[in-house]
PDB file of all heavy atoms in Angstrom:
ATOM      1  N   PRO A   1       0.826  -1.204   0.000  1.00  0.00           N
ATOM      2  CA  PRO A   1       0.000   0.000   0.000  1.00  0.00           C
ATOM      3  C   PRO A   1       0.866   1.262   0.000  1.00  0.00           C
ATOM      4  O   PRO A   1       1.954   1.294   0.591  1.00  0.00           O
ATOM      5  CB  PRO A   1      -0.792  -0.116   1.305  1.00  0.00           C
ATOM      6  CG  PRO A   1       0.067  -0.964   2.195  1.00  0.00           C
ATOM      7  CD  PRO A   1       0.800  -1.914   1.285  1.00  0.00           C
ATOM      8  N   HIS A   2       0.392   2.291  -0.681  1.00  0.00           N
ATOM      9  CA  HIS A   2       1.065   3.586  -0.703  1.00  0.00           C
ATOM     10  C   HIS A   2       0.129   4.625  -0.086  1.00  0.00           C
ATOM     11  O   HIS A   2      -1.020   4.771  -0.504  1.00  0.00           O
ATOM     12  CB  HIS A   2       1.431   3.989  -2.127  1.00  0.00           C
ATOM     13  CG  HIS A   2       2.142   5.315  -2.204  1.00  0.00           C
ATOM     14  ND1 HIS A   2       1.466   6.507  -2.305  1.00  0.00           N
ATOM     15  CD2 HIS A   2       3.467   5.614  -2.166  1.00  0.00           C
ATOM     16  CE1 HIS A   2       2.340   7.501  -2.344  1.00  0.00           C
ATOM     17  NE2 HIS A   2       3.563   6.976  -2.252  1.00  0.00           N
ATOM     18  N   TYR A   3       0.655   5.331   0.905  1.00  0.00           N
ATOM     19  CA  TYR A   3      -0.160   6.304   1.630  1.00  0.00           C
ATOM     20  C   TYR A   3       0.339   7.723   1.373  1.00  0.00           C
ATOM     21  O   TYR A   3       1.534   7.953   1.166  1.00  0.00           O
ATOM     22  CB  TYR A   3      -0.113   6.036   3.140  1.00  0.00           C
ATOM     23  CG  TYR A   3      -0.737   4.727   3.560  1.00  0.00           C
ATOM     24  CD1 TYR A   3       0.037   3.578   3.679  1.00  0.00           C
ATOM     25  CD2 TYR A   3      -2.087   4.652   3.852  1.00  0.00           C
ATOM     26  CE1 TYR A   3      -0.532   2.370   4.076  1.00  0.00           C
ATOM     27  CE2 TYR A   3      -2.665   3.448   4.250  1.00  0.00           C
ATOM     28  CZ  TYR A   3      -1.887   2.321   4.357  1.00  0.00           C
ATOM     29  OH  TYR A   3      -2.455   1.143   4.752  1.00  0.00           O
ATOM     30  N   THR A   4      -0.617   8.663   1.417  1.00  0.00           N
ATOM     31  CA  THR A   4      -0.276  10.084   1.469  1.00  0.00           C
ATOM     32  C   THR A   4      -0.422  10.545   2.915  1.00  0.00           C
ATOM     33  O   THR A   4      -1.448  10.287   3.548  1.00  0.00           O
ATOM     34  CB  THR A   4      -1.198  10.909   0.557  1.00  0.00           C
ATOM     35  OG1 THR A   4      -1.004  10.505  -0.789  1.00  0.00           O
ATOM     36  CG2 THR A   4      -0.896  12.390   0.679  1.00  0.00           C
ATOM     37  N   ARG A   5       0.607  11.202   3.414  1.00  0.00           N
ATOM     38  CA  ARG A   5       0.596  11.680   4.801  1.00  0.00           C
ATOM     39  C   ARG A   5       0.815  13.185   4.825  1.00  0.00           C
ATOM     40  O   ARG A   5       1.589  13.712   4.035  1.00  0.00           O
ATOM     41  CB  ARG A   5       1.690  10.988   5.632  1.00  0.00           C
ATOM     42  CG  ARG A   5       1.629   9.467   5.607  1.00  0.00           C
ATOM     43  CD  ARG A   5       2.875   8.873   6.244  1.00  0.00           C
ATOM     44  NE  ARG A   5       2.950   7.431   6.070  1.00  0.00           N
ATOM     45  CZ  ARG A   5       2.555   6.543   6.982  1.00  0.00           C
ATOM     46  NH1 ARG A   5       2.068   6.974   8.138  1.00  0.00           N
ATOM     47  NH2 ARG A   5       2.648   5.249   6.747  1.00  0.00           N
ATOM     48  N   TRP A   6       0.136  13.855   5.739  1.00  0.00           N
ATOM     49  CA  TRP A   6       0.376  15.286   5.927  1.00  0.00           C
ATOM     50  C   TRP A   6      -0.137  15.720   7.295  1.00  0.00           C
ATOM     51  O   TRP A   6      -0.933  15.027   7.920  1.00  0.00           O
ATOM     52  CB  TRP A   6      -0.302  16.114   4.825  1.00  0.00           C
ATOM     53  CG  TRP A   6      -1.794  16.203   4.903  1.00  0.00           C
ATOM     54  CD1 TRP A   6      -2.532  17.167   5.519  1.00  0.00           C
ATOM     55  CD2 TRP A   6      -2.742  15.283   4.343  1.00  0.00           C
ATOM     56  NE1 TRP A   6      -3.868  16.918   5.375  1.00  0.00           N
ATOM     57  CE2 TRP A   6      -4.026  15.778   4.649  1.00  0.00           C
ATOM     58  CE3 TRP A   6      -2.627  14.106   3.599  1.00  0.00           C
ATOM     59  CZ2 TRP A   6      -5.188  15.123   4.253  1.00  0.00           C
ATOM     60  CZ3 TRP A   6      -3.793  13.462   3.197  1.00  0.00           C
ATOM     61  CH2 TRP A   6      -5.042  13.972   3.520  1.00  0.00           C
ATOM     62  N   ASN A   7       0.349  16.852   7.749  1.00  0.00           N
ATOM     63  CA  ASN A   7      -0.080  17.438   9.012  1.00  0.00           C
ATOM     64  C   ASN A   7      -0.776  18.768   8.750  1.00  0.00           C
ATOM     65  O   ASN A   7      -0.380  19.526   7.861  1.00  0.00           O
ATOM     66  CB  ASN A   7       1.108  17.682   9.945  1.00  0.00           C
ATOM     67  CG  ASN A   7       1.650  16.392  10.529  1.00  0.00           C
ATOM     68  OD1 ASN A   7       1.081  15.322  10.320  1.00  0.00           O
ATOM     69  ND2 ASN A   7       2.742  16.490  11.254  1.00  0.00           N
ATOM     70  N   SER A   8      -1.809  19.038   9.522  1.00  0.00           N
ATOM     71  CA  SER A   8      -2.499  20.322   9.474  1.00  0.00           C
ATOM     72  C   SER A   8      -2.527  20.902  10.881  1.00  0.00           C
ATOM     73  O   SER A   8      -2.767  20.167  11.851  1.00  0.00           O
ATOM     74  CB  SER A   8      -3.933  20.159   8.972  1.00  0.00           C
ATOM     75  OG  SER A   8      -3.954  19.715   7.637  1.00  0.00           O
ATOM     76  N   PRO A   9      -2.281  22.206  11.034  1.00  0.00           N
ATOM     77  CA  PRO A   9      -2.363  22.801  12.363  1.00  0.00           C
ATOM     78  C   PRO A   9      -3.745  22.597  12.974  1.00  0.00           C
ATOM     79  O   PRO A   9      -4.758  22.612  12.259  1.00  0.00           O
ATOM     80  CB  PRO A   9      -2.096  24.294  12.100  1.00  0.00           C
ATOM     81  CG  PRO A   9      -1.362  24.328  10.805  1.00  0.00           C
ATOM     82  CD  PRO A   9      -1.896  23.183  10.006  1.00  0.00           C
ATOM     83  N   PHE A  10      -3.786  22.382  14.268  1.00  0.00           N
ATOM     84  CA  PHE A  10      -5.048  22.235  14.987  1.00  0.00           C
ATOM     85  C   PHE A  10      -5.885  23.496  14.763  1.00  0.00           C
ATOM     86  O   PHE A  10      -5.415  24.617  14.966  1.00  0.00           O
ATOM     87  CB  PHE A  10      -4.776  22.045  16.478  1.00  0.00           C
ATOM     88  CG  PHE A  10      -6.016  21.897  17.308  1.00  0.00           C
ATOM     89  CD1 PHE A  10      -6.593  20.659  17.486  1.00  0.00           C
ATOM     90  CD2 PHE A  10      -6.595  22.995  17.921  1.00  0.00           C
ATOM     91  CE1 PHE A  10      -7.729  20.519  18.259  1.00  0.00           C
ATOM     92  CE2 PHE A  10      -7.727  22.869  18.693  1.00  0.00           C
ATOM     93  CZ  PHE A  10      -8.303  21.622  18.863  1.00  0.00           C
ATOM     94  N   GLU A  11      -7.119  23.305  14.328  1.00  0.00           N
ATOM     95  CA  GLU A  11      -7.970  24.445  13.983  1.00  0.00           C
ATOM     96  C   GLU A  11      -8.889  24.780  15.153  1.00  0.00           C
ATOM     97  O   GLU A  11      -9.754  24.004  15.528  1.00  0.00           O
ATOM     98  CB  GLU A  11      -8.800  24.117  12.732  1.00  0.00           C
ATOM     99  CG  GLU A  11      -9.458  25.335  12.114  1.00  0.00           C
ATOM    100  CD  GLU A  11     -10.050  25.028  10.751  1.00  0.00           C
ATOM    101  OE1 GLU A  11      -9.514  24.136  10.058  1.00  0.00           O
ATOM    102  OE2 GLU A  11     -11.044  25.667  10.386  1.00  0.00           O
ATOM    103  N   LYS A  12      -8.686  25.953  15.732  1.00  0.00           N
ATOM    104  CA  LYS A  12      -9.457  26.366  16.896  1.00  0.00           C
ATOM    105  C   LYS A  12     -10.203  27.672  16.685  1.00  0.00           C
ATOM    106  O   LYS A  12     -10.897  28.160  17.592  1.00  0.00           O
ATOM    107  CB  LYS A  12      -8.534  26.521  18.106  1.00  0.00           C
ATOM    108  CG  LYS A  12      -7.603  27.710  17.988  1.00  0.00           C
ATOM    109  CD  LYS A  12      -6.766  27.884  19.224  1.00  0.00           C
ATOM    110  CE  LYS A  12      -5.963  29.158  19.217  1.00  0.00           C
ATOM    111  NZ  LYS A  12      -5.472  29.601  17.914  1.00  0.00           N
ATOM    112  N   GLY A  13     -10.064  28.296  15.509  1.00  0.00           N
ATOM    113  CA  GLY A  13     -10.644  29.618  15.306  1.00  0.00           C
ATOM    114  C   GLY A  13      -9.683  30.698  15.753  1.00  0.00           C
ATOM    115  O   GLY A  13      -8.511  30.443  16.063  1.00  0.00           O
ATOM    116  N   PRO A  14     -10.133  31.953  15.809  1.00  0.00           N
ATOM    117  CA  PRO A  14      -9.247  33.078  16.159  1.00  0.00           C
ATOM    118  C   PRO A  14      -8.755  33.016  17.598  1.00  0.00           C
ATOM    119  O   PRO A  14      -9.421  32.466  18.481  1.00  0.00           O
ATOM    120  CB  PRO A  14     -10.143  34.307  15.943  1.00  0.00           C
ATOM    121  CG  PRO A  14     -11.271  33.843  15.092  1.00  0.00           C
ATOM    122  CD  PRO A  14     -11.482  32.402  15.438  1.00  0.00           C
ATOM    123  N   ASP A  15      -7.576  33.602  17.824  1.00  0.00           N
ATOM    124  CA  ASP A  15      -7.053  33.739  19.187  1.00  0.00           C
ATOM    125  C   ASP A  15      -7.823  34.785  19.981  1.00  0.00           C
ATOM    126  O   ASP A  15      -7.916  34.697  21.202  1.00  0.00           O
ATOM    127  CB  ASP A  15      -5.573  34.133  19.161  1.00  0.00           C
ATOM    128  CG  ASP A  15      -4.685  33.007  18.671  1.00  0.00           C
ATOM    129  OD1 ASP A  15      -5.088  31.839  18.808  1.00  0.00           O
ATOM    130  OD2 ASP A  15      -3.595  33.296  18.137  1.00  0.00           O
ATOM    131  N   VAL A  16      -8.341  35.803  19.270  1.00  0.00           N
ATOM    132  CA  VAL A  16      -9.016  36.925  19.926  1.00  0.00           C
ATOM    133  C   VAL A  16     -10.369  37.148  19.259  1.00  0.00           C
ATOM    134  O   VAL A  16     -10.469  37.214  18.030  1.00  0.00           O
ATOM    135  CB  VAL A  16      -8.177  38.218  19.837  1.00  0.00           C
ATOM    136  CG1 VAL A  16      -8.911  39.375  20.508  1.00  0.00           C
ATOM    137  CG2 VAL A  16      -6.810  38.013  20.461  1.00  0.00           C
ATOM    138  N   MET A  17     -11.422  37.275  20.069  1.00  0.00           N
ATOM    139  CA  MET A  17     -12.759  37.597  19.581  1.00  0.00           C
ATOM    140  C   MET A  17     -13.396  38.607  20.537  1.00  0.00           C
ATOM    141  O   MET A  17     -13.362  38.400  21.749  1.00  0.00           O
ATOM    142  CB  MET A  17     -13.625  36.340  19.506  1.00  0.00           C
ATOM    143  CG  MET A  17     -13.107  35.261  18.564  1.00  0.00           C
ATOM    144  SD  MET A  17     -13.966  33.679  18.775  1.00  0.00           S
ATOM    145  CE  MET A  17     -13.197  33.086  20.287  1.00  0.00           C
ATOM    146  N   THR A  18     -13.949  39.679  20.010  1.00  0.00           N
ATOM    147  CA  THR A  18     -14.600  40.687  20.846  1.00  0.00           C
ATOM    148  C   THR A  18     -15.935  41.080  20.231  1.00  0.00           C
ATOM    149  O   THR A  18     -16.102  41.065  19.003  1.00  0.00           O
ATOM    150  CB  THR A  18     -13.734  41.948  21.015  1.00  0.00           C
ATOM    151  OG1 THR A  18     -13.509  42.549  19.729  1.00  0.00           O
ATOM    152  CG2 THR A  18     -12.395  41.613  21.644  1.00  0.00           C
ATOM    153  N   ARG A  19     -16.870  41.471  21.103  1.00  0.00           N
ATOM    154  CA  ARG A  19     -18.179  41.961  20.677  1.00  0.00           C
ATOM    155  C   ARG A  19     -18.525  43.197  21.512  1.00  0.00           C
ATOM    156  O   ARG A  19     -18.278  43.233  22.710  1.00  0.00           O
ATOM    157  CB  ARG A  19     -19.277  40.903  20.884  1.00  0.00           C
ATOM    158  CG  ARG A  19     -18.942  39.523  20.311  1.00  0.00           C
ATOM    159  CD  ARG A  19     -19.023  39.488  18.808  1.00  0.00           C
ATOM    160  NE  ARG A  19     -18.727  38.163  18.286  1.00  0.00           N
ATOM    161  CZ  ARG A  19     -17.579  37.818  17.731  1.00  0.00           C
ATOM    162  NH1 ARG A  19     -16.591  38.704  17.631  1.00  0.00           N
ATOM    163  NH2 ARG A  19     -17.379  36.594  17.275  1.00  0.00           N
ATOM    164  N   LEU A  20     -19.134  44.185  20.870  1.00  0.00           N
ATOM    165  CA  LEU A  20     -19.582  45.400  21.551  1.00  0.00           C
ATOM    166  C   LEU A  20     -20.956  45.760  21.020  1.00  0.00           C
ATOM    167  O   LEU A  20     -21.151  45.886  19.806  1.00  0.00           O
ATOM    168  CB  LEU A  20     -18.602  46.554  21.308  1.00  0.00           C
ATOM    169  CG  LEU A  20     -19.044  47.935  21.810  1.00  0.00           C
ATOM    170  CD1 LEU A  20     -19.143  47.934  23.336  1.00  0.00           C
ATOM    171  CD2 LEU A  20     -18.078  49.016  21.332  1.00  0.00           C
ATOM    172  N   GLY A  21     -21.916  45.912  21.921  1.00  0.00           N
ATOM    173  CA  GLY A  21     -23.275  46.246  21.515  1.00  0.00           C
ATOM    174  C   GLY A  21     -23.811  47.457  22.247  1.00  0.00           C
ATOM    175  O   GLY A  21     -23.535  47.653  23.442  1.00  0.00           O
ATOM    176  N   ILE A  22     -24.559  48.274  21.553  1.00  0.00           N
ATOM    177  CA  ILE A  22     -25.182  49.475  22.127  1.00  0.00           C
ATOM    178  C   ILE A  22     -26.646  49.498  21.685  1.00  0.00           C
ATOM    179  O   ILE A  22     -26.948  49.302  20.506  1.00  0.00           O
ATOM    180  CB  ILE A  22     -24.478  50.763  21.660  1.00  0.00           C
ATOM    181  CG1 ILE A  22     -23.031  50.797  22.154  1.00  0.00           C
ATOM    182  CG2 ILE A  22     -25.235  51.999  22.138  1.00  0.00           C
ATOM    183  CD1 ILE A  22     -22.234  51.967  21.615  1.00  0.00           C
ATOM    184  N   THR A  23     -27.547  49.729  22.631  1.00  0.00           N
ATOM    185  CA  THR A  23     -28.965  49.870  22.327  1.00  0.00           C
ATOM    186  C   THR A  23     -29.467  51.195  22.877  1.00  0.00           C
ATOM    187  O   THR A  23     -29.256  51.514  24.054  1.00  0.00           O
ATOM    188  CB  THR A  23     -29.788  48.718  22.926  1.00  0.00           C
ATOM    189  OG1 THR A  23     -29.361  47.480  22.343  1.00  0.00           O
ATOM    190  CG2 THR A  23     -31.272  48.906  22.644  1.00  0.00           C
ATOM    191  N   ILE A  24     -30.126  51.954  22.027  1.00  0.00           N
ATOM    192  CA  ILE A  24     -30.703  53.247  22.392  1.00  0.00           C
ATOM    193  C   ILE A  24     -32.211  53.153  22.239  1.00  0.00           C
ATOM    194  O   ILE A  24     -32.716  52.629  21.239  1.00  0.00           O
ATOM    195  CB  ILE A  24     -30.149  54.379  21.505  1.00  0.00           C
ATOM    196  CG1 ILE A  24     -28.633  54.491  21.682  1.00  0.00           C
ATOM    197  CG2 ILE A  24     -30.807  55.707  21.830  1.00  0.00           C
ATOM    198  CD1 ILE A  24     -27.981  55.470  20.724  1.00  0.00           C
ATOM    199  N   VAL A  25     -32.933  53.666  23.249  1.00  0.00           N
ATOM    200  CA  VAL A  25     -34.400  53.675  23.224  1.00  0.00           C
ATOM    201  C   VAL A  25     -34.856  55.128  23.197  1.00  0.00           C
ATOM    202  O   VAL A  25     -35.089  55.742  24.253  1.00  0.00           O
ATOM    203  CB  VAL A  25     -34.979  52.927  24.439  1.00  0.00           C
ATOM    204  CG1 VAL A  25     -36.504  52.820  24.332  1.00  0.00           C
ATOM    205  CG2 VAL A  25     -34.360  51.545  24.575  1.00  0.00           C
ATOM    206  N   PRO A  26     -34.978  55.748  22.010  1.00  0.00           N
ATOM    207  CA  PRO A  26     -35.344  57.168  21.942  1.00  0.00           C
ATOM    208  C   PRO A  26     -36.768  57.445  22.392  1.00  0.00           C
ATOM    209  O   PRO A  26     -37.079  58.545  22.843  1.00  0.00           O
ATOM    210  CB  PRO A  26     -35.149  57.510  20.458  1.00  0.00           C
ATOM    211  CG  PRO A  26     -35.268  56.212  19.737  1.00  0.00           C
ATOM    212  CD  PRO A  26     -34.749  55.171  20.674  1.00  0.00           C
ATOM    213  N   LYS A  27     -37.650  56.461  22.260  1.00  0.00           N
ATOM    214  CA  LYS A  27     -39.038  56.596  22.714  1.00  0.00           C
ATOM    215  C   LYS A  27     -39.600  55.211  22.951  1.00  0.00           C
ATOM    216  O   LYS A  27     -39.036  54.206  22.508  1.00  0.00           O
ATOM    217  CB  LYS A  27     -39.883  57.343  21.678  1.00  0.00           C
ATOM    218  CG  LYS A  27     -39.933  56.664  20.313  1.00  0.00           C
ATOM    219  CD  LYS A  27     -40.817  57.434  19.341  1.00  0.00           C
ATOM    220  CE  LYS A  27     -42.272  57.400  19.771  1.00  0.00           C
ATOM    221  NZ  LYS A  27     -43.166  58.013  18.782  1.00  0.00           N
ATOM    222  N   ASP A  28     -40.706  55.141  23.665  1.00  0.00           N
ATOM    223  CA  ASP A  28     -41.321  53.852  23.950  1.00  0.00           C
ATOM    224  C   ASP A  28     -41.662  53.129  22.654  1.00  0.00           C
ATOM    225  O   ASP A  28     -42.266  53.707  21.740  1.00  0.00           O
ATOM    226  CB  ASP A  28     -42.587  54.048  24.783  1.00  0.00           C
ATOM    227  CG  ASP A  28     -42.287  54.475  26.210  1.00  0.00           C
ATOM    228  OD1 ASP A  28     -41.125  54.299  26.623  1.00  0.00           O
ATOM    229  OD2 ASP A  28     -43.198  54.982  26.881  1.00  0.00           O
ATOM    230  N   GLY A  29     -41.280  51.875  22.583  1.00  0.00           N
ATOM    231  CA  GLY A  29     -41.601  51.073  21.421  1.00  0.00           C
ATOM    232  C   GLY A  29     -40.606  51.167  20.293  1.00  0.00           C
ATOM    233  O   GLY A  29     -40.794  50.527  19.248  1.00  0.00           O
ATOM    234  N   VAL A  30     -39.515  51.923  20.463  1.00  0.00           N
ATOM    235  CA  VAL A  30     -38.498  52.069  19.416  1.00  0.00           C
ATOM    236  C   VAL A  30     -37.130  51.763  20.011  1.00  0.00           C
ATOM    237  O   VAL A  30     -36.748  52.347  21.028  1.00  0.00           O
ATOM    238  CB  VAL A  30     -38.505  53.483  18.802  1.00  0.00           C
ATOM    239  CG1 VAL A  30     -37.402  53.609  17.748  1.00  0.00           C
ATOM    240  CG2 VAL A  30     -39.862  53.800  18.195  1.00  0.00           C
ATOM    241  N   GLU A  31     -36.382  50.833  19.397  1.00  0.00           N
ATOM    242  CA  GLU A  31     -35.041  50.468  19.844  1.00  0.00           C
ATOM    243  C   GLU A  31     -34.088  50.482  18.657  1.00  0.00           C
ATOM    244  O   GLU A  31     -34.372  49.867  17.620  1.00  0.00           O
ATOM    245  CB  GLU A  31     -35.044  49.083  20.486  1.00  0.00           C
ATOM    246  CG  GLU A  31     -35.872  48.985  21.757  1.00  0.00           C
ATOM    247  CD  GLU A  31     -35.955  47.571  22.275  1.00  0.00           C
ATOM    248  OE1 GLU A  31     -36.367  46.689  21.505  1.00  0.00           O
ATOM    249  OE2 GLU A  31     -35.619  47.343  23.460  1.00  0.00           O
ATOM    250  N   LEU A  32     -32.961  51.164  18.822  1.00  0.00           N
ATOM    251  CA  LEU A  32     -31.918  51.201  17.802  1.00  0.00           C
ATOM    252  C   LEU A  32     -30.681  50.527  18.378  1.00  0.00           C
ATOM    253  O   LEU A  32     -30.131  50.971  19.383  1.00  0.00           O
ATOM    254  CB  LEU A  32     -31.599  52.642  17.402  1.00  0.00           C
ATOM    255  CG  LEU A  32     -30.483  52.824  16.363  1.00  0.00           C
ATOM    256  CD1 LEU A  32     -30.876  52.186  15.036  1.00  0.00           C
ATOM    257  CD2 LEU A  32     -30.153  54.296  16.179  1.00  0.00           C
TER     258      LEU A  32
END
């Protein structure tokens, strides 16, 4: 048998992830 072998770096996604959210309620019933 003949095999193909290779290595791939362990895939974990980004090292850094950030989220920032802001909600403003200018009047009742309205959200931005």
